[in-house]
Amino acid sequence: MSFHSSAEDITVDDGHILKAQLRNEDGENVEAEINLDDYVGNNNGRFEWGGNGFSQTAEDIHFSIEGDDNVPVLRARLQNLEGEYVDADLNLAERFGNDNGSFVFSKWGPKSSYPDDALLYGAGHFEVTGRAPRTSISSSSLPFQHHRRFSFPFNSGGYEIC
């Protein structure tokens, strides 16, 4: 899913516009950009996936490619609830990808970044039903030995696993 392995000239302009030359299916590099403020928020001084407008409460925003794996990292000082600015960083490859030369955002990202309350461990029959928005996911090929029902908050929608 990550974009950086098929990109050149990656930059973040104006503190929130991710730009790059992304390779498309024909092997050509295409100019692409995406507004990070539409997908990243500030939650008490920490970057938050799925939020918005992080740059409105940020200072010293900078971007770099880091480490042996050339990870695209956004760093900033984000304002917390006490009004203090604290250091924060975000691996942009966790949620942004390249789809034929265009940036795409993955709501869930890699499995390791799912919220703890959204993970289902082990094998078995499961059904997830949501109230808002209406969502239903099921797997009937692997039955549980015992039928159990769990409720948990999920994007403020309250979902049920049974």
Protein backbone atom coordinates (compact mmCIF):
# COMPACT_ATOMS: atom_id res chain seq x y z
CA MET A 1 0.00 0.00 0.00
CA SER A 2 2.81 2.46 0.73
CA PHE A 3 3.62 5.00 -1.97
CA HIS A 4 7.26 5.84 -1.32
CA SER A 5 8.77 2.81 -3.05
CA SER A 6 7.28 3.95 -6.37
CA ALA A 7 7.83 7.70 -5.93
CA GLU A 8 10.43 10.36 -6.62
CA ASP A 9 10.83 13.96 -5.47
CA ILE A 10 8.56 13.55 -2.42
CA THR A 11 7.87 16.84 -0.63
CA VAL A 12 5.35 18.40 1.73
CA ASP A 13 4.51 21.95 0.68
CA ASP A 14 2.85 24.58 2.86
CA GLY A 15 3.03 22.11 5.75
CA HIS A 16 0.14 19.96 4.51
CA ILE A 17 0.30 19.23 0.76
CA LEU A 18 2.05 15.92 0.02
CA LYS A 19 3.53 15.99 -3.49
CA ALA A 20 5.51 13.45 -5.49
CA GLN A 21 6.21 11.97 -8.87
CA LEU A 22 4.33 8.65 -8.64
CA ARG A 23 4.94 5.78 -11.04
CA ASN A 24 1.86 4.63 -12.93
CA GLU A 25 1.13 1.22 -14.51
CA ASP A 26 2.97 2.25 -17.69
CA GLY A 27 6.14 2.95 -15.70
CA GLU A 28 5.83 6.70 -16.20
CA ASN A 29 6.17 9.21 -13.37
CA VAL A 30 3.07 11.34 -12.87
CA GLU A 31 2.75 14.49 -10.75
CA ALA A 32 0.48 13.80 -7.79
CA GLU A 33 -0.57 15.63 -4.66
CA ILE A 34 -2.92 15.17 -1.73
CA ASN A 35 -3.94 17.49 1.10
CA LEU A 36 -2.84 15.87 4.38
CA ASP A 37 -5.24 18.13 6.31
CA ASP A 38 -8.12 16.13 4.79
CA TYR A 39 -6.86 12.89 6.39
CA VAL A 40 -4.73 13.76 9.43
CA GLY A 41 -5.81 15.53 12.61
CA ASN A 42 -4.30 16.60 15.91
CA ASN A 43 -5.54 14.73 18.98
CA ASN A 44 -4.07 16.40 22.08
CA GLY A 45 -0.64 16.85 20.54
CA ARG A 46 -0.54 13.59 18.57
CA PHE A 47 -1.16 12.99 14.90
CA GLU A 48 -4.46 11.20 14.34
CA TRP A 49 -5.35 9.20 11.23
CA GLY A 50 -8.84 9.93 9.95
CA GLY A 51 -8.92 13.38 11.53
CA ASN A 52 -8.50 16.64 9.71
CA GLY A 53 -6.83 20.02 9.93
CA PHE A 54 -3.69 19.07 11.87
CA SER A 55 -1.72 21.96 10.36
CA GLN A 56 -4.03 24.53 11.98
CA THR A 57 -2.58 23.63 15.40
CA ALA A 58 0.97 22.80 14.34
CA GLU A 59 4.31 24.55 14.10
CA ASP A 60 7.73 23.57 12.75
CA ILE A 61 6.19 21.16 10.24
CA HIS A 62 8.83 19.31 8.26
CA PHE A 63 9.14 16.20 6.14
CA SER A 64 12.02 13.81 5.55
CA ILE A 65 12.86 10.36 4.23
CA GLU A 66 14.42 8.44 7.14
CA GLY A 67 16.26 5.22 7.93
CA ASP A 68 17.49 2.31 5.86
CA ASP A 69 13.94 1.68 4.58
CA ASN A 70 13.57 5.29 3.38
CA VAL A 71 10.43 5.87 5.44
CA PRO A 72 8.49 9.08 4.62
CA VAL A 73 8.07 10.82 7.99
CA LEU A 74 6.11 13.97 8.79
CA ARG A 75 7.26 15.76 11.93
CA ALA A 76 5.76 18.75 13.70
CA ARG A 77 5.14 20.33 17.04
CA LEU A 78 1.43 19.89 17.72
CA GLN A 79 -0.59 21.85 20.25
CA ASN A 80 -2.06 19.78 23.09
CA LEU A 81 -5.10 20.58 25.26
CA GLU A 82 -2.97 22.63 27.66
CA GLY A 83 -1.86 24.85 24.77
CA GLU A 84 1.70 23.49 24.81
CA TYR A 85 3.43 22.39 21.62
CA VAL A 86 4.84 18.86 21.71
CA ASP A 87 6.93 16.88 19.22
CA ALA A 88 5.00 14.43 17.05
CA ASP A 89 5.81 12.27 14.05
CA LEU A 90 3.84 10.27 11.51
CA ASN A 91 4.90 7.57 9.04
CA LEU A 92 2.99 8.61 5.91
CA ALA A 93 3.53 5.19 4.32
CA GLU A 94 1.17 3.65 6.90
CA ARG A 95 -1.92 5.00 5.15
CA PHE A 96 -0.99 6.65 1.85
CA GLY A 97 -0.47 4.60 -1.27
CA ASN A 98 0.02 4.90 -5.01
CA ASP A 99 -2.83 3.81 -7.27
CA ASN A 100 -1.63 4.11 -10.87
CA GLY A 101 0.06 7.46 -10.28
CA SER A 102 -2.45 8.94 -7.83
CA PHE A 103 -2.28 9.19 -4.07
CA VAL A 104 -4.83 7.09 -2.19
CA PHE A 105 -5.62 7.00 1.52
CA SER A 106 -6.38 3.78 3.36
CA LYS A 107 -8.76 4.27 6.27
CA TRP A 108 -7.37 1.22 8.08
CA GLY A 109 -3.78 1.01 6.89
CA PRO A 110 -1.77 -2.10 7.69
CA LYS A 111 -3.23 -4.58 10.17
CA SER A 112 -0.72 -3.49 12.83
CA SER A 113 -2.27 -0.01 12.87
CA TYR A 114 -5.90 -1.08 13.43
CA PRO A 115 -7.43 0.19 16.66
CA ASP A 116 -7.27 -2.51 19.34
CA ASP A 117 -11.06 -2.67 19.52
CA ALA A 118 -11.32 -3.47 15.79
CA LEU A 119 -9.13 -6.58 15.77
CA LEU A 120 -10.51 -10.07 15.66
CA TYR A 121 -8.01 -12.67 16.82
CA GLY A 122 -8.17 -16.34 16.05
CA ALA A 123 -10.44 -18.25 13.74
CA GLY A 124 -14.17 -18.57 13.93
CA HIS A 125 -17.52 -17.37 12.75
CA PHE A 126 -18.00 -13.68 13.20
CA GLU A 127 -20.44 -11.03 12.19
CA VAL A 128 -19.94 -7.32 12.59
CA THR A 129 -23.04 -5.17 12.40
CA GLY A 130 -22.87 -1.41 12.63
CA ARG A 131 -25.47 1.16 13.58
CA ALA A 132 -23.99 4.26 11.96
CA PRO A 133 -23.16 3.87 9.17
CA ARG A 134 -24.95 0.58 8.52
CA THR A 135 -22.32 -2.06 7.95
CA SER A 136 -22.34 -5.83 8.04
CA ILE A 137 -19.38 -8.17 7.65
CA SER A 138 -19.52 -11.89 8.25
CA SER A 139 -17.51 -15.07 7.88
CA SER A 140 -19.36 -18.35 8.16
CA SER A 141 -16.62 -20.72 7.07
CA LEU A 142 -14.92 -21.01 10.49
CA PRO A 143 -17.46 -21.58 13.31
CA PHE A 144 -16.75 -20.70 16.96
CA GLN A 145 -17.25 -23.43 19.54
CA HIS A 146 -19.18 -20.98 21.71
CA HIS A 147 -21.40 -18.17 20.55
CA ARG A 148 -20.33 -14.94 22.22
CA ARG A 149 -21.44 -11.37 21.76
CA PHE A 150 -19.13 -8.42 22.26
CA SER A 151 -19.98 -4.74 22.04
CA PHE A 152 -17.40 -2.04 21.63
CA PRO A 153 -17.16 1.58 20.49
CA PHE A 154 -16.06 1.92 16.89
CA ASN A 155 -15.82 5.35 15.30
CA SER A 156 -18.55 6.47 17.71
CA GLY A 157 -20.93 4.05 16.01
CA GLY A 158 -21.08 1.20 18.53
CA TYR A 159 -20.62 -2.13 16.74
CA GLU A 160 -21.41 -5.63 17.83
CA ILE A 161 -19.48 -8.85 17.23
CA CYS A 162 -21.34 -12.10 17.72
